[in-house]
Amino acid sequence: MDVTDRQTSPFWRESAPLILASKSVGRRQALLHSGVPFESIPADVDERAIESSLGGADADAIALALARAKALAISAPARFVLGADQVASCEGKIFGKPANMQEAEALLQFLSGRRHRLHSAIALARDGAIIFETVGIADLTMRKLTDEFIAAYLTAVGDHALASAGAYQIEGLGAQVFSKVEGDHWTIMGLPLLALLEALRREGALLS
């Protein structure tokens, strides 16, 4: 998939495509397959600094703050800008993207055999203001992972393990780590798609 996906859509009513402030392959696939023309322009925000500034905030608040920051980081007058982020929570702990492979390994060891929750936030902005935001929830249970499997998995996925909360992408080799999934596929991929489509219809960007 190219950086800019300007596919035509029979449903899109805007003269310019939506801007996706992310380079996430899963989010790009979701928009592409749902008929929403978009341009991918990753937002340059310091996620760690935002997370640190929120102190004892819960997972939903952290995910929303990151999504808002990304949506507002892109200046594009009169265009819709979509920011998105995802964090995981498990037994009172909150996890964002691992900073390095050592963190990814420790995270997988912790989540092994446990049920965790994904908090997938989106924020839609236009002309520098947030006009819609929501958080989608999914619950996932990892099977018990051996150290040998974790090492093989991280070798296979490489830096992709650092691109998502939980150190996995379920649309790829990440499917190998789960025993049970509760929640819609798009939310797990980081984009509560049905809520986004409904918001775009309300704004007149999509045919109703």
N, C-alpha and C. Protein backbone atom coordinates (compact mmCIF):
# COMPACT_ATOMS: atom_id res chain seq x y z
N MET A 1 0.84 -1.18 0.00
CA MET A 1 0.00 0.00 0.00
C MET A 1 0.88 1.24 0.00
N ASP A 2 0.57 2.18 -0.85
CA ASP A 2 1.37 3.39 -0.94
C ASP A 2 1.05 4.31 0.24
N VAL A 3 1.92 5.31 0.46
CA VAL A 3 1.72 6.24 1.56
C VAL A 3 0.42 7.01 1.38
N THR A 4 0.10 7.36 0.16
CA THR A 4 -1.13 8.08 -0.12
C THR A 4 -2.11 7.15 -0.81
N ASP A 5 -3.28 6.97 -0.21
CA ASP A 5 -4.30 6.09 -0.76
C ASP A 5 -5.48 6.94 -1.19
N ARG A 6 -5.45 7.39 -2.42
CA ARG A 6 -6.49 8.29 -2.91
C ARG A 6 -7.49 7.52 -3.77
N GLN A 7 -7.83 6.31 -3.34
CA GLN A 7 -8.77 5.52 -4.11
C GLN A 7 -10.11 6.26 -4.19
N THR A 8 -10.82 6.06 -5.26
CA THR A 8 -12.13 6.69 -5.40
C THR A 8 -13.14 5.91 -4.56
N SER A 9 -14.19 6.60 -4.15
CA SER A 9 -15.23 5.96 -3.36
C SER A 9 -16.58 6.51 -3.79
N PRO A 10 -17.58 5.64 -3.96
CA PRO A 10 -18.91 6.13 -4.32
C PRO A 10 -19.62 6.81 -3.16
N PHE A 11 -19.05 6.73 -1.96
CA PHE A 11 -19.72 7.25 -0.76
C PHE A 11 -19.13 8.57 -0.26
N TRP A 12 -17.89 8.89 -0.66
CA TRP A 12 -17.18 10.05 -0.11
C TRP A 12 -17.64 11.33 -0.78
N ARG A 13 -18.01 12.34 0.01
CA ARG A 13 -18.59 13.57 -0.53
C ARG A 13 -17.65 14.76 -0.46
N GLU A 14 -16.49 14.60 0.16
CA GLU A 14 -15.53 15.70 0.28
C GLU A 14 -14.66 15.79 -0.97
N SER A 15 -14.15 16.98 -1.25
CA SER A 15 -13.27 17.16 -2.42
C SER A 15 -11.87 16.62 -2.16
N ALA A 16 -11.47 16.56 -0.89
CA ALA A 16 -10.14 16.05 -0.53
C ALA A 16 -10.31 14.85 0.40
N PRO A 17 -9.36 13.91 0.36
CA PRO A 17 -9.47 12.73 1.22
C PRO A 17 -9.25 13.07 2.69
N LEU A 18 -9.71 12.20 3.54
CA LEU A 18 -9.41 12.29 4.97
C LEU A 18 -7.91 12.15 5.17
N ILE A 19 -7.38 12.82 6.19
CA ILE A 19 -5.97 12.65 6.55
C ILE A 19 -5.89 11.71 7.75
N LEU A 20 -5.17 10.63 7.61
CA LEU A 20 -4.91 9.71 8.70
C LEU A 20 -3.56 10.07 9.32
N ALA A 21 -3.58 10.54 10.56
CA ALA A 21 -2.34 10.98 11.22
C ALA A 21 -1.61 9.80 11.84
N SER A 22 -1.39 8.78 11.04
CA SER A 22 -0.79 7.53 11.52
C SER A 22 -0.19 6.79 10.34
N LYS A 23 0.82 5.95 10.63
CA LYS A 23 1.38 5.08 9.61
C LYS A 23 0.99 3.62 9.84
N SER A 24 0.06 3.40 10.77
CA SER A 24 -0.37 2.04 11.10
C SER A 24 -0.94 1.32 9.89
N VAL A 25 -0.38 0.17 9.58
CA VAL A 25 -0.86 -0.62 8.45
C VAL A 25 -2.29 -1.08 8.70
N GLY A 26 -2.60 -1.50 9.92
CA GLY A 26 -3.94 -1.97 10.22
C GLY A 26 -4.99 -0.90 10.03
N ARG A 27 -4.72 0.32 10.47
CA ARG A 27 -5.68 1.41 10.30
C ARG A 27 -5.83 1.77 8.83
N ARG A 28 -4.74 1.75 8.11
CA ARG A 28 -4.81 2.07 6.68
C ARG A 28 -5.63 1.02 5.94
N GLN A 29 -5.45 -0.24 6.29
CA GLN A 29 -6.22 -1.30 5.66
C GLN A 29 -7.71 -1.15 5.96
N ALA A 30 -8.03 -0.80 7.20
CA ALA A 30 -9.44 -0.65 7.58
C ALA A 30 -10.11 0.45 6.77
N LEU A 31 -9.44 1.60 6.63
CA LEU A 31 -10.00 2.69 5.84
C LEU A 31 -10.10 2.33 4.37
N LEU A 32 -9.06 1.71 3.85
CA LEU A 32 -9.03 1.34 2.44
C LEU A 32 -10.18 0.41 2.10
N HIS A 33 -10.38 -0.61 2.93
CA HIS A 33 -11.40 -1.62 2.64
C HIS A 33 -12.81 -1.12 2.90
N SER A 34 -12.95 -0.04 3.67
CA SER A 34 -14.29 0.48 3.96
C SER A 34 -14.71 1.59 3.01
N GLY A 35 -13.87 1.94 2.06
CA GLY A 35 -14.25 2.94 1.07
C GLY A 35 -14.12 4.37 1.53
N VAL A 36 -13.17 4.65 2.43
CA VAL A 36 -12.91 6.03 2.87
C VAL A 36 -11.58 6.47 2.26
N PRO A 37 -11.59 7.36 1.28
CA PRO A 37 -10.33 7.83 0.70
C PRO A 37 -9.51 8.56 1.76
N PHE A 38 -8.22 8.31 1.80
CA PHE A 38 -7.40 8.94 2.82
C PHE A 38 -5.97 9.14 2.34
N GLU A 39 -5.31 10.05 3.04
CA GLU A 39 -3.89 10.32 2.85
C GLU A 39 -3.21 10.09 4.19
N SER A 40 -2.18 9.30 4.23
CA SER A 40 -1.48 8.99 5.48
C SER A 40 -0.35 9.98 5.72
N ILE A 41 -0.49 10.79 6.78
CA ILE A 41 0.54 11.75 7.18
C ILE A 41 0.79 11.54 8.67
N PRO A 42 1.76 10.71 9.05
CA PRO A 42 1.99 10.42 10.46
C PRO A 42 2.28 11.69 11.27
N ALA A 43 1.60 11.81 12.41
CA ALA A 43 1.80 12.96 13.29
C ALA A 43 3.09 12.80 14.08
N ASP A 44 3.78 13.91 14.27
CA ASP A 44 5.03 13.91 15.04
C ASP A 44 4.72 14.40 16.45
N VAL A 45 4.42 13.46 17.34
CA VAL A 45 4.14 13.81 18.74
C VAL A 45 5.01 12.95 19.65
N ASP A 46 5.31 13.47 20.81
CA ASP A 46 6.11 12.75 21.80
C ASP A 46 5.16 11.96 22.70
N GLU A 47 4.90 10.71 22.33
CA GLU A 47 3.93 9.90 23.05
C GLU A 47 4.34 9.70 24.51
N ARG A 48 5.62 9.45 24.75
CA ARG A 48 6.08 9.21 26.12
C ARG A 48 5.86 10.45 27.00
N ALA A 49 6.11 11.63 26.44
CA ALA A 49 5.91 12.86 27.21
C ALA A 49 4.44 13.06 27.55
N ILE A 50 3.57 12.77 26.59
CA ILE A 50 2.13 12.92 26.84
C ILE A 50 1.68 11.94 27.92
N GLU A 51 2.13 10.70 27.81
CA GLU A 51 1.77 9.69 28.81
C GLU A 51 2.26 10.10 30.20
N SER A 52 3.49 10.61 30.27
CA SER A 52 4.06 11.01 31.56
C SER A 52 3.30 12.18 32.18
N SER A 53 2.80 13.08 31.33
CA SER A 53 2.10 14.27 31.83
C SER A 53 0.74 13.95 32.42
N LEU A 54 0.22 12.75 32.13
CA LEU A 54 -1.14 12.41 32.56
C LEU A 54 -1.18 11.76 33.94
N GLY A 55 -0.03 11.51 34.53
CA GLY A 55 0.00 10.99 35.89
C GLY A 55 -0.78 9.71 36.04
N GLY A 56 -1.79 9.72 36.93
CA GLY A 56 -2.56 8.52 37.23
C GLY A 56 -3.81 8.35 36.39
N ALA A 57 -3.83 8.90 35.19
CA ALA A 57 -5.01 8.78 34.32
C ALA A 57 -5.26 7.33 33.96
N ASP A 58 -6.54 7.01 33.67
CA ASP A 58 -6.86 5.65 33.28
C ASP A 58 -6.53 5.42 31.81
N ALA A 59 -6.67 4.17 31.37
CA ALA A 59 -6.25 3.80 30.02
C ALA A 59 -7.05 4.53 28.95
N ASP A 60 -8.36 4.69 29.14
CA ASP A 60 -9.17 5.41 28.15
C ASP A 60 -8.68 6.85 27.99
N ALA A 61 -8.41 7.51 29.11
CA ALA A 61 -7.97 8.90 29.06
C ALA A 61 -6.63 9.04 28.36
N ILE A 62 -5.72 8.10 28.61
CA ILE A 62 -4.41 8.15 27.96
C ILE A 62 -4.55 7.95 26.45
N ALA A 63 -5.33 6.94 26.05
CA ALA A 63 -5.51 6.68 24.63
C ALA A 63 -6.15 7.87 23.93
N LEU A 64 -7.16 8.49 24.56
CA LEU A 64 -7.82 9.65 23.96
C LEU A 64 -6.88 10.84 23.87
N ALA A 65 -6.07 11.07 24.89
CA ALA A 65 -5.13 12.20 24.86
C ALA A 65 -4.15 12.05 23.71
N LEU A 66 -3.67 10.84 23.49
CA LEU A 66 -2.74 10.58 22.39
C LEU A 66 -3.42 10.77 21.04
N ALA A 67 -4.66 10.27 20.92
CA ALA A 67 -5.39 10.42 19.66
C ALA A 67 -5.66 11.89 19.36
N ARG A 68 -6.07 12.66 20.39
CA ARG A 68 -6.32 14.09 20.19
C ARG A 68 -5.05 14.81 19.75
N ALA A 69 -3.95 14.52 20.42
CA ALA A 69 -2.68 15.19 20.09
C ALA A 69 -2.29 14.94 18.64
N LYS A 70 -2.49 13.73 18.17
CA LYS A 70 -2.13 13.40 16.79
C LYS A 70 -3.06 14.09 15.80
N ALA A 71 -4.36 14.12 16.11
CA ALA A 71 -5.30 14.78 15.20
C ALA A 71 -5.01 16.27 15.09
N LEU A 72 -4.61 16.90 16.19
CA LEU A 72 -4.38 18.35 16.20
C LEU A 72 -2.98 18.73 15.74
N ALA A 73 -2.10 17.73 15.59
CA ALA A 73 -0.72 18.02 15.16
C ALA A 73 -0.62 18.28 13.66
N ILE A 74 -1.65 17.91 12.91
CA ILE A 74 -1.64 18.08 11.45
C ILE A 74 -2.47 19.31 11.09
N SER A 75 -1.86 20.26 10.42
CA SER A 75 -2.57 21.47 9.98
C SER A 75 -3.04 21.27 8.54
N ALA A 76 -4.37 21.23 8.37
CA ALA A 76 -4.94 21.02 7.03
C ALA A 76 -6.32 21.67 7.01
N PRO A 77 -6.38 22.98 6.72
CA PRO A 77 -7.65 23.70 6.75
C PRO A 77 -8.74 23.02 5.94
N ALA A 78 -9.92 22.95 6.55
CA ALA A 78 -11.15 22.44 5.93
C ALA A 78 -11.14 20.93 5.67
N ARG A 79 -10.09 20.24 6.11
CA ARG A 79 -10.05 18.79 5.89
C ARG A 79 -10.24 18.04 7.20
N PHE A 80 -10.77 16.83 7.09
CA PHE A 80 -10.91 15.96 8.25
C PHE A 80 -9.57 15.30 8.54
N VAL A 81 -9.16 15.34 9.81
CA VAL A 81 -7.91 14.71 10.24
C VAL A 81 -8.25 13.69 11.33
N LEU A 82 -7.79 12.47 11.16
CA LEU A 82 -8.08 11.40 12.10
C LEU A 82 -6.83 11.03 12.89
N GLY A 83 -6.90 11.23 14.20
CA GLY A 83 -5.84 10.75 15.09
C GLY A 83 -6.31 9.49 15.78
N ALA A 84 -5.39 8.59 16.06
CA ALA A 84 -5.76 7.33 16.70
C ALA A 84 -4.60 6.82 17.55
N ASP A 85 -4.95 6.16 18.63
CA ASP A 85 -3.93 5.50 19.43
C ASP A 85 -4.58 4.39 20.24
N GLN A 86 -3.73 3.51 20.74
CA GLN A 86 -4.21 2.33 21.44
C GLN A 86 -3.28 2.04 22.62
N VAL A 87 -3.88 1.76 23.76
CA VAL A 87 -3.10 1.29 24.90
C VAL A 87 -3.74 0.01 25.42
N ALA A 88 -2.95 -0.77 26.15
CA ALA A 88 -3.42 -2.02 26.73
C ALA A 88 -3.42 -1.90 28.25
N SER A 89 -4.32 -2.61 28.89
CA SER A 89 -4.33 -2.65 30.35
C SER A 89 -4.52 -4.08 30.82
N CYS A 90 -3.89 -4.39 31.94
CA CYS A 90 -3.98 -5.74 32.50
C CYS A 90 -3.66 -5.69 33.99
N GLU A 91 -4.61 -6.12 34.80
CA GLU A 91 -4.40 -6.23 36.25
C GLU A 91 -3.85 -4.94 36.86
N GLY A 92 -4.46 -3.81 36.44
CA GLY A 92 -4.09 -2.53 37.01
C GLY A 92 -2.90 -1.85 36.37
N LYS A 93 -2.25 -2.50 35.44
CA LYS A 93 -1.11 -1.92 34.74
C LYS A 93 -1.56 -1.43 33.36
N ILE A 94 -0.95 -0.34 32.88
CA ILE A 94 -1.26 0.23 31.57
C ILE A 94 0.00 0.19 30.71
N PHE A 95 -0.18 -0.26 29.47
CA PHE A 95 0.96 -0.42 28.57
C PHE A 95 0.72 0.32 27.27
N GLY A 96 1.71 1.07 26.82
CA GLY A 96 1.70 1.63 25.48
C GLY A 96 2.59 0.78 24.59
N LYS A 97 3.14 1.41 23.58
CA LYS A 97 4.07 0.69 22.70
C LYS A 97 5.38 0.42 23.45
N PRO A 98 5.94 -0.78 23.35
CA PRO A 98 7.25 -1.01 23.97
C PRO A 98 8.32 -0.15 23.33
N ALA A 99 9.25 0.33 24.13
CA ALA A 99 10.30 1.23 23.63
C ALA A 99 11.42 0.48 22.93
N ASN A 100 11.60 -0.79 23.26
CA ASN A 100 12.67 -1.58 22.66
C ASN A 100 12.31 -3.06 22.76
N MET A 101 13.17 -3.91 22.20
CA MET A 101 12.86 -5.33 22.16
C MET A 101 12.87 -5.96 23.56
N GLN A 102 13.67 -5.41 24.46
CA GLN A 102 13.68 -5.92 25.83
C GLN A 102 12.33 -5.67 26.51
N GLU A 103 11.77 -4.47 26.29
CA GLU A 103 10.44 -4.18 26.83
C GLU A 103 9.38 -5.06 26.19
N ALA A 104 9.50 -5.30 24.88
CA ALA A 104 8.54 -6.16 24.19
C ALA A 104 8.57 -7.57 24.76
N GLU A 105 9.77 -8.08 25.02
CA GLU A 105 9.91 -9.43 25.59
C GLU A 105 9.28 -9.49 26.98
N ALA A 106 9.57 -8.49 27.82
CA ALA A 106 9.02 -8.47 29.17
C ALA A 106 7.50 -8.34 29.15
N LEU A 107 6.98 -7.56 28.21
CA LEU A 107 5.53 -7.39 28.09
C LEU A 107 4.85 -8.69 27.71
N LEU A 108 5.40 -9.40 26.73
CA LEU A 108 4.82 -10.68 26.32
C LEU A 108 4.89 -11.70 27.45
N GLN A 109 5.97 -11.69 28.20
CA GLN A 109 6.09 -12.60 29.34
C GLN A 109 5.02 -12.29 30.39
N PHE A 110 4.75 -11.01 30.62
CA PHE A 110 3.73 -10.62 31.59
C PHE A 110 2.32 -10.99 31.11
N LEU A 111 2.03 -10.73 29.83
CA LEU A 111 0.68 -10.98 29.30
C LEU A 111 0.42 -12.46 29.04
N SER A 112 1.46 -13.26 28.98
CA SER A 112 1.33 -14.69 28.71
C SER A 112 0.37 -15.35 29.71
N GLY A 113 -0.66 -16.02 29.18
CA GLY A 113 -1.63 -16.70 30.01
C GLY A 113 -2.65 -15.80 30.69
N ARG A 114 -2.61 -14.50 30.37
CA ARG A 114 -3.51 -13.54 31.01
C ARG A 114 -4.48 -12.93 30.00
N ARG A 115 -5.58 -12.40 30.54
CA ARG A 115 -6.55 -11.64 29.76
C ARG A 115 -6.22 -10.15 29.91
N HIS A 116 -6.14 -9.45 28.79
CA HIS A 116 -5.90 -8.01 28.86
C HIS A 116 -6.92 -7.28 28.00
N ARG A 117 -6.98 -5.98 28.18
CA ARG A 117 -7.95 -5.14 27.46
C ARG A 117 -7.22 -4.15 26.57
N LEU A 118 -7.73 -3.99 25.36
CA LEU A 118 -7.24 -2.97 24.44
C LEU A 118 -8.19 -1.79 24.45
N HIS A 119 -7.64 -0.59 24.54
CA HIS A 119 -8.40 0.65 24.51
C HIS A 119 -7.99 1.38 23.23
N SER A 120 -8.85 1.37 22.23
CA SER A 120 -8.54 1.94 20.91
C SER A 120 -9.29 3.26 20.75
N ALA A 121 -8.55 4.36 20.80
CA ALA A 121 -9.16 5.69 20.75
C ALA A 121 -8.98 6.32 19.38
N ILE A 122 -10.00 7.06 18.97
CA ILE A 122 -9.89 7.89 17.77
C ILE A 122 -10.39 9.29 18.09
N ALA A 123 -9.82 10.27 17.42
CA ALA A 123 -10.25 11.67 17.53
C ALA A 123 -10.28 12.25 16.13
N LEU A 124 -11.42 12.81 15.76
CA LEU A 124 -11.59 13.41 14.43
C LEU A 124 -11.58 14.92 14.58
N ALA A 125 -10.70 15.57 13.83
CA ALA A 125 -10.56 17.03 13.92
C ALA A 125 -10.84 17.68 12.57
N ARG A 126 -11.27 18.93 12.66
CA ARG A 126 -11.40 19.76 11.46
C ARG A 126 -11.14 21.21 11.87
N ASP A 127 -10.31 21.88 11.09
CA ASP A 127 -9.96 23.29 11.37
C ASP A 127 -9.48 23.49 12.80
N GLY A 128 -8.65 22.56 13.27
CA GLY A 128 -8.01 22.72 14.57
C GLY A 128 -8.88 22.42 15.77
N ALA A 129 -10.05 21.80 15.56
CA ALA A 129 -10.93 21.47 16.68
C ALA A 129 -11.36 20.01 16.60
N ILE A 130 -11.43 19.36 17.75
CA ILE A 130 -11.91 17.98 17.79
C ILE A 130 -13.43 18.00 17.66
N ILE A 131 -13.96 17.27 16.69
CA ILE A 131 -15.40 17.25 16.48
C ILE A 131 -16.02 15.91 16.86
N PHE A 132 -15.19 14.90 17.08
CA PHE A 132 -15.70 13.59 17.50
C PHE A 132 -14.56 12.80 18.11
N GLU A 133 -14.88 12.05 19.17
CA GLU A 133 -13.89 11.15 19.75
C GLU A 133 -14.61 9.99 20.42
N THR A 134 -13.95 8.86 20.46
CA THR A 134 -14.51 7.69 21.13
C THR A 134 -13.40 6.70 21.44
N VAL A 135 -13.71 5.75 22.31
CA VAL A 135 -12.78 4.67 22.64
C VAL A 135 -13.49 3.35 22.44
N GLY A 136 -12.91 2.48 21.63
CA GLY A 136 -13.43 1.13 21.45
C GLY A 136 -12.67 0.17 22.36
N ILE A 137 -13.38 -0.84 22.85
CA ILE A 137 -12.81 -1.78 23.82
C ILE A 137 -12.84 -3.20 23.26
N ALA A 138 -11.74 -3.93 23.48
CA ALA A 138 -11.69 -5.35 23.14
C ALA A 138 -10.91 -6.07 24.23
N ASP A 139 -11.32 -7.30 24.52
CA ASP A 139 -10.64 -8.11 25.53
C ASP A 139 -10.01 -9.32 24.85
N LEU A 140 -8.74 -9.54 25.15
CA LEU A 140 -7.99 -10.62 24.50
C LEU A 140 -7.27 -11.45 25.56
N THR A 141 -7.25 -12.75 25.35
CA THR A 141 -6.56 -13.66 26.26
C THR A 141 -5.41 -14.31 25.52
N MET A 142 -4.21 -14.13 26.05
CA MET A 142 -3.04 -14.79 25.46
C MET A 142 -2.93 -16.22 26.00
N ARG A 143 -2.56 -17.11 25.14
CA ARG A 143 -2.24 -18.46 25.59
C ARG A 143 -0.93 -18.40 26.38
N LYS A 144 -0.59 -19.47 27.05
CA LYS A 144 0.66 -19.52 27.79
C LYS A 144 1.81 -19.65 26.79
N LEU A 145 2.70 -18.66 26.79
CA LEU A 145 3.79 -18.62 25.82
C LEU A 145 5.09 -19.11 26.45
N THR A 146 5.81 -19.96 25.74
CA THR A 146 7.12 -20.38 26.22
C THR A 146 8.15 -19.31 25.89
N ASP A 147 9.25 -19.31 26.63
CA ASP A 147 10.33 -18.37 26.33
C ASP A 147 10.87 -18.62 24.92
N GLU A 148 10.89 -19.88 24.50
CA GLU A 148 11.37 -20.20 23.15
C GLU A 148 10.46 -19.59 22.10
N PHE A 149 9.14 -19.67 22.33
CA PHE A 149 8.20 -19.08 21.37
C PHE A 149 8.38 -17.57 21.32
N ILE A 150 8.47 -16.92 22.48
CA ILE A 150 8.61 -15.46 22.52
C ILE A 150 9.85 -15.02 21.76
N ALA A 151 10.95 -15.73 21.95
CA ALA A 151 12.19 -15.38 21.25
C ALA A 151 12.01 -15.54 19.74
N ALA A 152 11.38 -16.64 19.32
CA ALA A 152 11.18 -16.88 17.89
C ALA A 152 10.22 -15.85 17.30
N TYR A 153 9.19 -15.51 18.04
CA TYR A 153 8.20 -14.53 17.58
C TYR A 153 8.84 -13.16 17.39
N LEU A 154 9.60 -12.71 18.38
CA LEU A 154 10.23 -11.39 18.28
C LEU A 154 11.27 -11.34 17.18
N THR A 155 11.97 -12.43 16.94
CA THR A 155 12.91 -12.49 15.82
C THR A 155 12.16 -12.36 14.50
N ALA A 156 11.01 -13.02 14.41
CA ALA A 156 10.24 -13.02 13.17
C ALA A 156 9.62 -11.66 12.87
N VAL A 157 9.07 -10.99 13.89
CA VAL A 157 8.36 -9.73 13.63
C VAL A 157 9.29 -8.52 13.70
N GLY A 158 10.43 -8.64 14.37
CA GLY A 158 11.38 -7.53 14.42
C GLY A 158 10.77 -6.28 15.03
N ASP A 159 11.07 -5.14 14.43
CA ASP A 159 10.63 -3.85 14.97
C ASP A 159 9.12 -3.66 14.93
N HIS A 160 8.40 -4.51 14.21
CA HIS A 160 6.93 -4.40 14.22
C HIS A 160 6.39 -4.61 15.63
N ALA A 161 7.13 -5.32 16.47
CA ALA A 161 6.70 -5.51 17.86
C ALA A 161 6.65 -4.20 18.63
N LEU A 162 7.36 -3.18 18.14
CA LEU A 162 7.42 -1.89 18.82
C LEU A 162 6.36 -0.91 18.32
N ALA A 163 5.55 -1.35 17.37
CA ALA A 163 4.60 -0.45 16.72
C ALA A 163 3.21 -0.48 17.33
N SER A 164 2.96 -1.41 18.25
CA SER A 164 1.61 -1.55 18.79
C SER A 164 1.65 -1.85 20.29
N ALA A 165 0.60 -1.39 20.98
CA ALA A 165 0.43 -1.78 22.38
C ALA A 165 0.28 -3.29 22.44
N GLY A 166 0.99 -3.91 23.36
CA GLY A 166 0.92 -5.36 23.47
C GLY A 166 1.98 -6.09 22.69
N ALA A 167 2.71 -5.39 21.83
CA ALA A 167 3.81 -5.96 21.03
C ALA A 167 3.34 -6.96 20.00
N TYR A 168 2.12 -6.76 19.48
CA TYR A 168 1.61 -7.68 18.45
C TYR A 168 0.70 -6.94 17.48
N GLN A 169 0.57 -7.49 16.29
CA GLN A 169 -0.47 -7.09 15.34
C GLN A 169 -1.27 -8.35 15.03
N ILE A 170 -2.55 -8.34 15.41
CA ILE A 170 -3.35 -9.55 15.28
C ILE A 170 -3.58 -9.93 13.82
N GLU A 171 -3.45 -8.94 12.92
CA GLU A 171 -3.65 -9.24 11.50
C GLU A 171 -2.45 -9.96 10.90
N GLY A 172 -1.38 -10.12 11.66
CA GLY A 172 -0.19 -10.82 11.19
C GLY A 172 0.15 -11.97 12.11
N LEU A 173 1.44 -12.12 12.40
CA LEU A 173 1.89 -13.23 13.25
C LEU A 173 1.39 -13.11 14.68
N GLY A 174 0.89 -11.95 15.05
CA GLY A 174 0.33 -11.78 16.39
C GLY A 174 -0.84 -12.71 16.67
N ALA A 175 -1.49 -13.20 15.63
CA ALA A 175 -2.59 -14.16 15.83
C ALA A 175 -2.11 -15.41 16.55
N GLN A 176 -0.82 -15.69 16.47
CA GLN A 176 -0.26 -16.89 17.09
C GLN A 176 -0.31 -16.85 18.62
N VAL A 177 -0.45 -15.70 19.22
CA VAL A 177 -0.29 -15.61 20.67
C VAL A 177 -1.60 -15.74 21.45
N PHE A 178 -2.73 -15.81 20.76
CA PHE A 178 -4.01 -15.73 21.47
C PHE A 178 -4.75 -17.06 21.57
N SER A 179 -5.50 -17.19 22.67
CA SER A 179 -6.41 -18.32 22.82
C SER A 179 -7.87 -17.87 22.72
N LYS A 180 -8.13 -16.57 22.97
CA LYS A 180 -9.50 -16.06 22.91
C LYS A 180 -9.48 -14.57 22.62
N VAL A 181 -10.44 -14.13 21.79
CA VAL A 181 -10.57 -12.72 21.44
C VAL A 181 -12.03 -12.32 21.58
N GLU A 182 -12.29 -11.22 22.29
CA GLU A 182 -13.65 -10.69 22.46
C GLU A 182 -13.65 -9.23 22.05
N GLY A 183 -14.31 -8.92 20.95
CA GLY A 183 -14.33 -7.55 20.45
C GLY A 183 -14.23 -7.55 18.94
N ASP A 184 -14.60 -6.43 18.33
CA ASP A 184 -14.59 -6.42 16.87
C ASP A 184 -13.17 -6.28 16.32
N HIS A 185 -13.00 -6.82 15.14
CA HIS A 185 -11.69 -6.92 14.50
C HIS A 185 -11.05 -5.55 14.31
N TRP A 186 -11.85 -4.55 13.93
CA TRP A 186 -11.30 -3.22 13.65
C TRP A 186 -10.77 -2.56 14.92
N THR A 187 -11.49 -2.72 16.01
CA THR A 187 -11.03 -2.15 17.28
C THR A 187 -9.70 -2.76 17.69
N ILE A 188 -9.56 -4.07 17.51
CA ILE A 188 -8.31 -4.73 17.85
C ILE A 188 -7.18 -4.20 16.98
N MET A 189 -7.48 -3.87 15.73
CA MET A 189 -6.48 -3.32 14.83
C MET A 189 -6.21 -1.84 15.09
N GLY A 190 -6.92 -1.25 16.05
CA GLY A 190 -6.64 0.13 16.45
C GLY A 190 -7.56 1.18 15.88
N LEU A 191 -8.70 0.76 15.30
CA LEU A 191 -9.60 1.74 14.69
C LEU A 191 -11.05 1.31 14.89
N PRO A 192 -11.79 1.94 15.83
CA PRO A 192 -13.22 1.64 15.98
C PRO A 192 -13.98 2.15 14.75
N LEU A 193 -13.99 1.33 13.72
CA LEU A 193 -14.38 1.78 12.38
C LEU A 193 -15.85 2.17 12.28
N LEU A 194 -16.75 1.39 12.85
CA LEU A 194 -18.17 1.69 12.69
C LEU A 194 -18.53 3.03 13.32
N ALA A 195 -17.94 3.33 14.47
CA ALA A 195 -18.18 4.63 15.11
C ALA A 195 -17.64 5.76 14.25
N LEU A 196 -16.48 5.55 13.63
CA LEU A 196 -15.90 6.57 12.75
C LEU A 196 -16.79 6.81 11.54
N LEU A 197 -17.26 5.74 10.91
CA LEU A 197 -18.10 5.89 9.73
C LEU A 197 -19.38 6.65 10.06
N GLU A 198 -19.98 6.35 11.21
CA GLU A 198 -21.19 7.05 11.62
C GLU A 198 -20.91 8.54 11.85
N ALA A 199 -19.78 8.85 12.45
CA ALA A 199 -19.42 10.26 12.68
C ALA A 199 -19.23 10.99 11.35
N LEU A 200 -18.58 10.35 10.40
CA LEU A 200 -18.37 10.97 9.08
C LEU A 200 -19.70 11.17 8.35
N ARG A 201 -20.65 10.27 8.55
CA ARG A 201 -21.98 10.47 7.95
C ARG A 201 -22.67 11.68 8.58
N ARG A 202 -22.58 11.80 9.89
CA ARG A 202 -23.21 12.95 10.57
C ARG A 202 -22.61 14.26 10.09
N GLU A 203 -21.32 14.25 9.77
CA GLU A 203 -20.64 15.46 9.30
C GLU A 203 -20.86 15.71 7.81
N GLY A 204 -21.57 14.80 7.15
CA GLY A 204 -21.85 14.97 5.72
C GLY A 204 -20.72 14.55 4.81
N ALA A 205 -19.68 13.91 5.37
CA ALA A 205 -18.54 13.49 4.55
C ALA A 205 -18.81 12.19 3.81
N LEU A 206 -19.72 11.39 4.33
CA LEU A 206 -20.12 10.14 3.69
C LEU A 206 -21.61 10.18 3.40
N LEU A 207 -22.00 9.54 2.33
CA LEU A 207 -23.42 9.41 2.03
C LEU A 207 -24.11 8.63 3.13
N SER A 208 -25.33 9.05 3.46
CA SER A 208 -26.11 8.35 4.49
C SER A 208 -26.97 7.28 3.86
